[in-house]
Amino acid sequence: MIKRITSVLAALVAVASLSLADSGPDASAKDTKKMVQNNFVETAQKGVKLSGYVDAGYSYNFTGSQNNSSDVIGRFGSDTASRGDFNLYAVKLALEKALTSENKAQAGFRTDVMIGEDANYLINRGTSGTLSNTNQNSNSLFLEQAYVSIRAPVGNGWDFKVGKFVSILGYEVIERPANMNVTYGLLWQQMPLYYTGVLSSYKFDDYLDGKLGVVNGSQNDNNTTTGNNSDGCAVLAALNVTAPGGNANWSNNFQYSSNNDNNTAQGATNSSTSSGVENNSTGTGNAFIYNSWGNWAPKFANDKLLLAFNALLGVANVNGMNDGSTPASTTWYGAGAYAKYQFNDWFSLASRGEYLGGNNYGKIAAPNNDFAGPSLWEYTITAGFNVIDNLLIRAEYRLDWGNNTVTNADQTTGSSGPAHYAGAEVVYSF
């Protein structure tokens, strides 16, 4: 009877093991993955595992007033609350029956949910520019993933995900504890978060694997018909190269949307649905995004040093004013560099530097100037402490600067910063 009750409760909780391979690039945070990959609770049904984490912290932004924040372009909503703020970033729960390593016909599933302040903005990052400190909501629920996994015994094994799954683009992932830094980066803010559709993956050998998928579009549960009454879709593709020895890899990721895409990837004050575009319908369309990232753990450093890069290029059409007062197309691009050194079993230091630019406001808004091109920079340094099993404590400092980095609440004026941030988080994984 107890086993039956446990099984029912686990099913109602509905989340799966914290496998970073299913929430982003395989090696995006391999050190964190080592910490959590063996933490799970096996339910009464054999092979079904429950795992997750609780992530809480404190953040202090040196911009804005107590209840009406000045927006820092490129920062995630729960990272923009002005002055001091205690945060329940996320309670992450995951339930999964993973495919085995056997090359035979088999099936499984995965479901991930997040509750907390991050969930409020993961649902729609475009809302963050309109919210003040009083709108931070730790009661929000975000369904991150829910898909059926299938393996066809073709060649080395051809795997499929059918349902809702996280983006294949980007070096950083949705789970904060799995990234090198506490806050999300500038480039992550421009990446799609999730899709609904079908994604296939195939491992050719130990050095080469690829993905191919067809989805509704970025952040869409329906098709990409956010305008023009057309049945659109998005095509995904990825090719990953792993070095002999497994200490380095290079991933190339592509997305093409055939019609207007539900583009919340800009975040707060830099939504493509702002200004004239919103009045004329739809945001971006016929979007092409290319993302390349890679990392390297040098052998001479004995797994203590991890170096990485992240690059992004996007091109899209926008439905501007017919009189030419808003742009008809937009291009955005950026690059980032990461480094982390594990001094000993309990202390590490990580840093991130990023640049994000573009040719007009279509991706990143500029106050009172639709055609102004963004030029944003950020640098972050993070100290990590693993003092107890399954417990991660991190402290962070971040600096943002660049063209209209800081804007007022109505986005009519802006400054180049700098914008300072200090914060800390405590994470317990299970």
Protein backbone atom coordinates (compact mmCIF):
# COMPACT_ATOMS: atom_id res chain seq x y z
CA MET A 1 0.00 0.00 0.00
CA ILE A 2 2.82 2.41 0.90
CA LYS A 3 4.57 1.66 -2.39
CA ARG A 4 1.34 2.36 -4.28
CA ILE A 5 0.85 5.70 -2.53
CA THR A 6 4.49 6.62 -3.20
CA SER A 7 4.04 5.82 -6.88
CA VAL A 8 0.87 7.92 -7.17
CA LEU A 9 2.45 10.90 -5.43
CA ALA A 10 5.54 10.70 -7.63
CA ALA A 11 3.34 10.67 -10.73
CA LEU A 12 1.39 13.70 -9.54
CA VAL A 13 4.58 15.61 -8.82
CA ALA A 14 5.58 14.94 -12.46
CA VAL A 15 9.22 15.66 -13.04
CA ALA A 16 12.31 13.77 -14.15
CA SER A 17 16.00 13.17 -13.45
CA LEU A 18 18.23 16.20 -13.72
CA SER A 19 20.06 15.07 -16.85
CA LEU A 20 21.75 18.08 -18.39
CA ALA A 21 22.00 16.24 -21.68
CA ASP A 22 18.22 16.72 -21.98
CA SER A 23 18.22 20.34 -20.87
CA GLY A 24 20.90 21.70 -23.15
CA PRO A 25 24.42 21.00 -24.45
CA ASP A 26 25.88 17.80 -23.06
CA ALA A 27 28.99 19.44 -21.66
CA SER A 28 27.66 22.89 -20.83
CA ALA A 29 28.27 22.30 -17.11
CA LYS A 30 29.90 18.92 -16.75
CA ASP A 31 31.21 19.69 -13.29
CA THR A 32 27.69 20.39 -11.99
CA LYS A 33 26.41 17.35 -13.83
CA LYS A 34 28.90 15.22 -11.90
CA MET A 35 27.43 16.56 -8.68
CA VAL A 36 23.80 15.79 -9.51
CA GLN A 37 23.71 12.97 -12.04
CA ASN A 38 23.61 10.22 -9.40
CA ASN A 39 21.02 11.94 -7.21
CA PHE A 40 17.52 10.57 -7.70
CA VAL A 41 14.68 8.71 -6.04
CA GLU A 42 13.54 5.58 -7.85
CA THR A 43 9.78 5.21 -7.74
CA ALA A 44 7.84 1.99 -7.25
CA GLN A 45 7.79 1.54 -11.03
CA LYS A 46 11.18 0.17 -12.03
CA GLY A 47 13.33 2.57 -14.02
CA VAL A 48 11.25 5.70 -13.30
CA LYS A 49 13.36 8.21 -11.38
CA LEU A 50 12.48 11.43 -9.57
CA SER A 51 15.09 14.18 -9.14
CA GLY A 52 15.51 17.94 -9.01
CA TYR A 53 16.74 20.79 -6.85
CA VAL A 54 15.74 23.79 -4.75
CA ASP A 55 17.46 27.06 -5.72
CA ALA A 56 17.15 30.17 -3.52
CA GLY A 57 19.25 33.28 -3.09
CA TYR A 58 19.66 37.02 -2.67
CA SER A 59 20.28 39.66 -5.34
CA TYR A 60 21.16 43.34 -5.15
CA ASN A 61 20.98 45.66 -8.17
CA PHE A 62 22.50 49.10 -7.77
CA THR A 63 20.06 50.61 -10.31
CA GLY A 64 16.42 51.66 -9.97
CA SER A 65 14.24 52.56 -7.02
CA GLN A 66 12.62 50.34 -4.42
CA ASN A 67 9.36 49.58 -6.23
CA ASN A 68 9.94 50.72 -9.81
CA SER A 69 13.08 49.28 -11.29
CA SER A 70 15.19 50.73 -14.05
CA ASP A 71 15.59 47.97 -16.60
CA VAL A 72 19.02 46.59 -17.37
CA ILE A 73 18.88 45.40 -20.98
CA GLY A 74 19.88 41.77 -21.39
CA ARG A 75 19.23 40.67 -17.81
CA PHE A 76 16.61 38.05 -17.02
CA GLY A 77 13.47 39.26 -15.21
CA SER A 78 14.25 37.81 -11.79
CA ASP A 79 17.79 39.24 -12.07
CA THR A 80 16.52 42.81 -12.54
CA ALA A 81 14.68 43.50 -9.25
CA SER A 82 16.10 46.76 -7.92
CA ARG A 83 17.95 47.04 -4.62
CA GLY A 84 17.96 44.07 -2.27
CA ASP A 85 15.69 41.10 -2.97
CA PHE A 86 15.48 37.56 -1.57
CA ASN A 87 14.64 35.10 -4.34
CA LEU A 88 13.13 31.66 -4.65
CA TYR A 89 14.57 31.11 -8.09
CA ALA A 90 13.18 27.64 -8.68
CA VAL A 91 12.01 24.35 -7.30
CA LYS A 92 12.87 21.97 -10.12
CA LEU A 93 11.26 18.54 -10.27
CA ALA A 94 11.79 15.96 -12.96
CA LEU A 95 10.34 12.53 -13.59
CA GLU A 96 11.92 10.28 -16.20
CA LYS A 97 12.11 6.80 -17.58
CA ALA A 98 15.25 7.07 -19.68
CA LEU A 99 16.14 4.91 -22.64
CA THR A 100 18.75 2.28 -21.90
CA SER A 101 22.02 1.95 -23.79
CA GLU A 102 20.74 -1.11 -25.67
CA ASN A 103 20.17 -0.69 -29.39
CA LYS A 104 16.67 -2.14 -29.46
CA ALA A 105 13.11 -0.87 -29.90
CA GLN A 106 12.16 0.86 -26.65
CA ALA A 107 10.31 3.86 -25.27
CA GLY A 108 10.37 6.16 -22.26
CA PHE A 109 9.32 9.64 -21.18
CA ARG A 110 10.46 12.78 -19.41
CA THR A 111 8.57 15.56 -17.66
CA ASP A 112 10.13 18.66 -16.07
CA VAL A 113 8.37 21.40 -14.11
CA MET A 114 9.74 24.48 -12.36
CA ILE A 115 8.04 26.54 -9.66
CA GLY A 116 9.35 29.91 -8.51
CA GLU A 117 10.33 33.38 -9.66
CA ASP A 118 12.25 32.11 -12.69
CA ALA A 119 9.13 30.27 -13.87
CA ASN A 120 7.29 33.60 -14.02
CA TYR A 121 9.67 34.82 -16.74
CA LEU A 122 10.38 31.49 -18.41
CA ILE A 123 6.73 31.43 -19.45
CA ASN A 124 7.29 34.72 -21.29
CA ARG A 125 10.56 36.60 -21.02
CA GLY A 126 8.93 39.54 -22.83
CA THR A 127 6.98 40.47 -19.69
CA SER A 128 10.00 41.45 -17.64
CA GLY A 129 10.15 45.01 -18.96
CA THR A 130 6.69 45.82 -17.56
CA LEU A 131 7.13 44.40 -14.06
CA SER A 132 8.36 46.12 -10.93
CA ASN A 133 9.70 44.58 -7.73
CA THR A 134 6.17 44.05 -6.43
CA ASN A 135 5.41 41.73 -9.35
CA GLN A 136 8.06 39.12 -8.52
CA ASN A 137 6.02 35.92 -8.18
CA SER A 138 7.40 32.75 -6.58
CA ASN A 139 4.11 30.88 -7.14
CA SER A 140 4.42 30.60 -10.92
CA LEU A 141 4.48 27.16 -12.55
CA PHE A 142 6.41 26.47 -15.77
CA LEU A 143 6.20 23.21 -17.71
CA GLU A 144 9.72 23.00 -19.10
CA GLN A 145 9.50 19.64 -20.87
CA ALA A 146 7.05 16.81 -21.43
CA TYR A 147 7.87 14.33 -24.15
CA VAL A 148 7.83 10.69 -25.15
CA SER A 149 11.22 9.22 -26.11
CA ILE A 150 11.49 6.44 -28.67
CA ARG A 151 14.43 4.44 -30.01
CA ALA A 152 14.31 2.77 -33.40
CA PRO A 153 16.96 0.01 -33.80
CA VAL A 154 18.32 1.56 -37.00
CA GLY A 155 22.10 1.65 -37.41
CA ASN A 156 23.58 2.71 -34.08
CA GLY A 157 20.11 3.54 -32.74
CA TRP A 158 17.89 6.39 -33.93
CA ASP A 159 16.25 8.31 -31.07
CA PHE A 160 13.16 10.56 -31.16
CA LYS A 161 11.53 13.03 -28.79
CA VAL A 162 7.85 13.78 -29.39
CA GLY A 163 6.20 16.54 -27.37
CA LYS A 164 7.66 19.60 -25.65
CA PHE A 165 11.43 19.81 -25.19
CA VAL A 166 14.08 22.44 -24.47
CA SER A 167 16.00 24.32 -27.14
CA ILE A 168 18.98 22.76 -28.88
CA LEU A 169 20.63 26.21 -29.16
CA GLY A 170 22.92 27.86 -26.66
CA TYR A 171 25.75 27.00 -24.29
CA GLU A 172 23.85 28.00 -21.17
CA VAL A 173 20.73 26.08 -20.11
CA ILE A 174 17.51 26.90 -18.26
CA GLU A 175 18.72 25.38 -14.98
CA ARG A 176 20.81 28.03 -13.18
CA PRO A 177 22.85 25.51 -11.10
CA ALA A 178 24.00 23.79 -14.30
CA ASN A 179 25.60 26.97 -15.68
CA MET A 180 28.96 28.40 -14.69
CA ASN A 181 27.34 31.58 -13.36
CA VAL A 182 24.26 32.39 -11.28
CA THR A 183 22.74 35.01 -13.61
CA TYR A 184 21.83 34.24 -17.21
CA GLY A 185 24.03 35.69 -19.94
CA LEU A 186 23.27 38.17 -22.71
CA LEU A 187 23.33 35.47 -25.39
CA TRP A 188 21.06 33.14 -23.42
CA GLN A 189 18.48 35.93 -23.40
CA GLN A 190 18.43 35.79 -27.21
CA MET A 191 18.15 31.99 -27.55
CA PRO A 192 14.85 30.10 -27.92
CA LEU A 193 13.80 28.34 -24.73
CA TYR A 194 11.63 25.41 -25.84
CA TYR A 195 9.71 23.84 -28.73
CA THR A 196 6.73 21.57 -29.30
CA GLY A 197 7.23 19.05 -32.08
CA VAL A 198 9.53 16.17 -33.03
CA LEU A 199 13.30 15.99 -32.60
CA SER A 200 15.45 13.09 -33.80
CA SER A 201 19.05 12.39 -32.84
CA TYR A 202 21.64 9.97 -34.15
CA LYS A 203 25.16 9.15 -32.98
CA PHE A 204 27.31 8.24 -35.97
CA ASP A 205 30.32 7.23 -33.87
CA ASP A 206 32.21 8.32 -30.76
CA TYR A 207 33.13 11.63 -32.40
CA LEU A 208 30.10 12.77 -34.38
CA ASP A 209 26.40 13.07 -33.58
CA GLY A 210 23.55 15.11 -35.02
CA LYS A 211 19.96 16.26 -34.50
CA LEU A 212 17.13 17.10 -36.86
CA GLY A 213 13.63 18.26 -35.95
CA VAL A 214 10.42 19.95 -37.00
CA VAL A 215 8.54 22.09 -34.46
CA ASN A 216 5.83 24.73 -34.19
CA GLY A 217 8.41 27.41 -33.52
CA SER A 218 10.13 29.04 -30.54
CA GLN A 219 8.01 29.19 -27.38
CA ASN A 220 4.93 27.99 -29.29
CA ASP A 221 2.42 25.37 -28.24
CA ASN A 222 0.53 25.95 -31.49
CA ASN A 223 1.95 26.52 -34.98
CA THR A 224 3.93 29.64 -35.83
CA THR A 225 0.86 31.56 -36.99
CA THR A 226 1.35 34.63 -34.83
CA GLY A 227 0.35 36.61 -37.93
CA ASN A 228 -0.55 36.48 -41.62
CA ASN A 229 -2.91 33.50 -41.12
CA SER A 230 -0.31 31.07 -42.43
CA ASP A 231 0.56 27.62 -41.15
CA GLY A 232 4.24 27.93 -40.38
CA CYS A 233 6.85 25.71 -38.76
CA ALA A 234 10.48 25.76 -37.72
CA VAL A 235 13.24 23.36 -38.71
CA LEU A 236 16.04 22.47 -36.27
CA ALA A 237 19.43 20.95 -37.02
CA ALA A 238 22.58 20.34 -35.01
CA LEU A 239 25.97 18.72 -35.52
CA ASN A 240 28.29 18.04 -32.60
CA VAL A 241 31.95 17.00 -32.83
CA THR A 242 33.70 15.39 -29.85
CA ALA A 243 37.49 15.24 -29.67
CA PRO A 244 39.29 11.91 -29.12
CA GLY A 245 39.56 11.50 -25.37
CA GLY A 246 36.27 13.31 -24.80
CA ASN A 247 37.83 16.42 -23.23
CA ALA A 248 36.60 18.86 -25.92
CA ASN A 249 33.65 19.28 -28.21
CA TRP A 250 32.26 21.71 -30.78
CA SER A 251 28.53 22.09 -31.40
CA ASN A 252 26.85 23.80 -34.37
CA ASN A 253 23.12 24.50 -34.10
CA PHE A 254 20.60 25.92 -36.56
CA GLN A 255 16.98 27.07 -36.52
CA TYR A 256 14.89 28.34 -39.43
CA SER A 257 11.31 29.55 -38.95
CA SER A 258 9.18 29.61 -42.10
CA ASN A 259 6.76 32.17 -40.74
CA ASN A 260 6.37 34.65 -37.90
CA ASP A 261 7.82 33.19 -34.72
CA ASN A 262 6.62 33.75 -31.16
CA ASN A 263 9.83 35.47 -30.22
CA THR A 264 10.13 36.08 -26.48
CA ALA A 265 13.87 35.53 -26.60
CA GLN A 266 14.68 39.22 -26.28
CA GLY A 267 13.52 39.54 -22.70
CA ALA A 268 12.28 42.62 -20.90
CA THR A 269 12.81 45.93 -22.60
CA ASN A 270 14.10 44.57 -25.88
CA SER A 271 11.06 42.70 -27.19
CA SER A 272 10.49 42.62 -30.94
CA THR A 273 6.81 43.17 -30.17
CA SER A 274 7.55 46.63 -28.83
CA SER A 275 6.97 50.00 -30.47
CA GLY A 276 5.70 50.03 -34.05
CA VAL A 277 6.05 46.31 -34.61
CA GLU A 278 3.42 45.54 -31.99
CA ASN A 279 0.95 47.90 -33.66
CA ASN A 280 1.44 46.25 -37.01
CA SER A 281 1.06 42.65 -35.90
CA THR A 282 3.61 40.06 -35.36
CA GLY A 283 7.23 40.28 -34.40
CA THR A 284 9.87 38.37 -36.33
CA GLY A 285 9.33 36.10 -39.31
CA ASN A 286 11.45 33.95 -41.62
CA ALA A 287 14.05 33.89 -38.87
CA PHE A 288 17.38 32.10 -39.24
CA ILE A 289 19.55 31.52 -36.17
CA TYR A 290 23.02 29.98 -36.06
CA ASN A 291 24.69 29.14 -32.76
CA SER A 292 28.15 27.69 -32.28
CA TRP A 293 29.63 26.75 -28.94
CA GLY A 294 32.51 24.65 -27.72
CA ASN A 295 34.43 23.74 -24.61
CA TRP A 296 37.79 22.28 -23.69
CA ALA A 297 39.11 20.71 -20.49
CA PRO A 298 42.91 20.67 -21.02
CA LYS A 299 44.57 17.41 -20.06
CA PHE A 300 47.46 19.24 -18.40
CA ALA A 301 45.05 20.80 -15.88
CA ASN A 302 43.84 17.41 -14.60
CA ASP A 303 40.12 18.28 -15.08
CA LYS A 304 40.43 21.42 -12.96
CA LEU A 305 40.19 23.93 -15.84
CA LEU A 306 37.25 24.33 -18.23
CA LEU A 307 37.31 26.83 -21.11
CA ALA A 308 34.37 27.56 -23.40
CA PHE A 309 33.01 29.91 -26.05
CA ASN A 310 29.54 30.76 -27.35
CA ALA A 311 28.65 32.58 -30.60
CA LEU A 312 25.34 33.66 -32.12
CA LEU A 313 24.11 35.07 -35.45
CA GLY A 314 20.44 35.75 -36.24
CA VAL A 315 18.60 37.29 -39.19
CA ALA A 316 14.84 37.92 -39.36
CA ASN A 317 12.16 39.90 -41.17
CA VAL A 318 9.90 42.15 -39.12
CA ASN A 319 6.59 43.72 -40.06
CA GLY A 320 7.49 47.38 -39.78
CA MET A 321 5.41 50.41 -40.67
CA ASN A 322 4.56 50.78 -44.35
CA ASP A 323 5.92 54.32 -44.31
CA GLY A 324 9.36 53.02 -43.42
CA SER A 325 9.37 54.43 -39.90
CA THR A 326 10.40 51.04 -38.47
CA PRO A 327 12.93 48.51 -39.83
CA ALA A 328 11.83 45.77 -42.21
CA SER A 329 14.60 43.37 -41.23
CA THR A 330 16.96 42.90 -38.33
CA THR A 331 20.28 41.20 -37.64
CA TRP A 332 21.75 40.38 -34.25
CA TYR A 333 25.05 38.79 -33.26
CA GLY A 334 27.21 38.15 -30.25
CA ALA A 335 29.98 36.16 -28.65
CA GLY A 336 30.96 35.04 -25.18
CA ALA A 337 33.93 33.44 -23.43
CA TYR A 338 33.85 31.32 -20.26
CA ALA A 339 36.48 29.98 -17.88
CA LYS A 340 36.25 27.95 -14.69
CA TYR A 341 38.96 26.65 -12.39
CA GLN A 342 38.33 24.07 -9.65
CA PHE A 343 40.98 24.88 -7.05
CA ASN A 344 40.05 21.94 -4.82
CA ASP A 345 37.09 19.73 -3.95
CA TRP A 346 35.12 22.57 -2.36
CA PHE A 347 36.10 25.83 -4.10
CA SER A 348 35.91 27.04 -7.71
CA LEU A 349 36.04 30.34 -9.55
CA ALA A 350 34.26 31.02 -12.87
CA SER A 351 34.08 34.03 -15.17
CA ARG A 352 32.07 35.05 -18.23
CA GLY A 353 32.48 37.91 -20.70
CA GLU A 354 29.94 38.64 -23.47
CA TYR A 355 29.13 41.05 -26.27
CA LEU A 356 25.77 41.44 -28.02
CA GLY A 357 25.13 43.69 -31.02
CA GLY A 358 22.72 44.29 -33.87
CA ASN A 359 21.82 46.66 -36.70
CA ASN A 360 18.53 48.08 -35.31
CA TYR A 361 15.86 47.83 -32.62
CA GLY A 362 14.18 44.75 -34.09
CA LYS A 363 15.92 42.50 -31.57
CA ILE A 364 17.14 44.88 -28.86
CA ALA A 365 15.16 48.06 -28.25
CA ALA A 366 16.73 51.50 -27.84
CA PRO A 367 14.77 54.36 -26.22
CA ASN A 368 13.23 56.79 -28.74
CA ASN A 369 15.30 55.42 -31.61
CA ASP A 370 13.88 52.49 -33.56
CA PHE A 371 16.93 52.26 -35.83
CA ALA A 372 19.60 52.44 -33.16
CA GLY A 373 21.84 49.40 -33.07
CA PRO A 374 22.53 47.75 -29.69
CA SER A 375 26.04 47.33 -28.36
CA LEU A 376 25.91 45.57 -25.01
CA TRP A 377 28.66 44.11 -22.83
CA GLU A 378 28.76 42.20 -19.55
CA TYR A 379 31.36 40.62 -17.32
CA THR A 380 30.56 38.20 -14.47
CA ILE A 381 32.69 36.46 -11.87
CA THR A 382 31.33 33.67 -9.67
CA ALA A 383 32.78 31.86 -6.66
CA GLY A 384 31.43 28.39 -5.96
CA PHE A 385 31.55 26.40 -2.72
CA ASN A 386 30.74 22.67 -2.46
CA VAL A 387 31.06 22.31 1.30
CA ILE A 388 28.47 19.54 1.86
CA ASP A 389 27.29 16.73 -0.41
CA ASN A 390 24.53 17.89 -2.79
CA LEU A 391 24.80 21.48 -1.53
CA LEU A 392 26.15 24.24 -3.79
CA ILE A 393 26.70 27.82 -2.57
CA ARG A 394 27.71 30.54 -5.03
CA ALA A 395 28.46 34.27 -4.77
CA GLU A 396 28.54 36.52 -7.84
CA TYR A 397 29.38 39.99 -9.10
CA ARG A 398 28.21 41.25 -12.52
CA LEU A 399 28.79 44.43 -14.51
CA ASP A 400 26.74 45.49 -17.58
CA TRP A 401 27.49 48.43 -19.86
CA GLY A 402 26.91 49.63 -23.44
CA ASN A 403 24.44 51.52 -25.63
CA ASN A 404 21.28 52.19 -23.55
CA THR A 405 22.16 49.41 -21.12
CA VAL A 406 20.00 51.01 -18.42
CA THR A 407 16.55 52.41 -19.34
CA ASN A 408 13.80 53.93 -17.25
CA ALA A 409 10.48 52.17 -16.70
CA ASP A 410 8.77 53.58 -19.82
CA GLN A 411 11.85 53.08 -22.02
CA THR A 412 11.99 56.76 -23.04
CA THR A 413 15.51 57.41 -21.81
CA GLY A 414 18.61 55.33 -21.39
CA SER A 415 22.22 55.40 -20.32
CA SER A 416 25.34 53.38 -21.03
CA GLY A 417 25.67 52.29 -17.40
CA PRO A 418 27.61 50.78 -15.83
CA ALA A 419 25.04 48.64 -14.00
CA HIS A 420 26.35 46.70 -11.00
CA TYR A 421 24.92 43.48 -9.56
CA ALA A 422 25.86 41.36 -6.55
CA GLY A 423 24.15 38.20 -5.42
CA ALA A 424 24.37 34.73 -3.96
CA GLU A 425 22.48 31.44 -4.26
CA VAL A 426 22.12 28.21 -2.31
CA VAL A 427 21.18 25.04 -4.20
CA TYR A 428 20.30 21.63 -2.84
CA SER A 429 19.98 18.88 -5.43
CA PHE A 430 18.35 15.48 -5.02
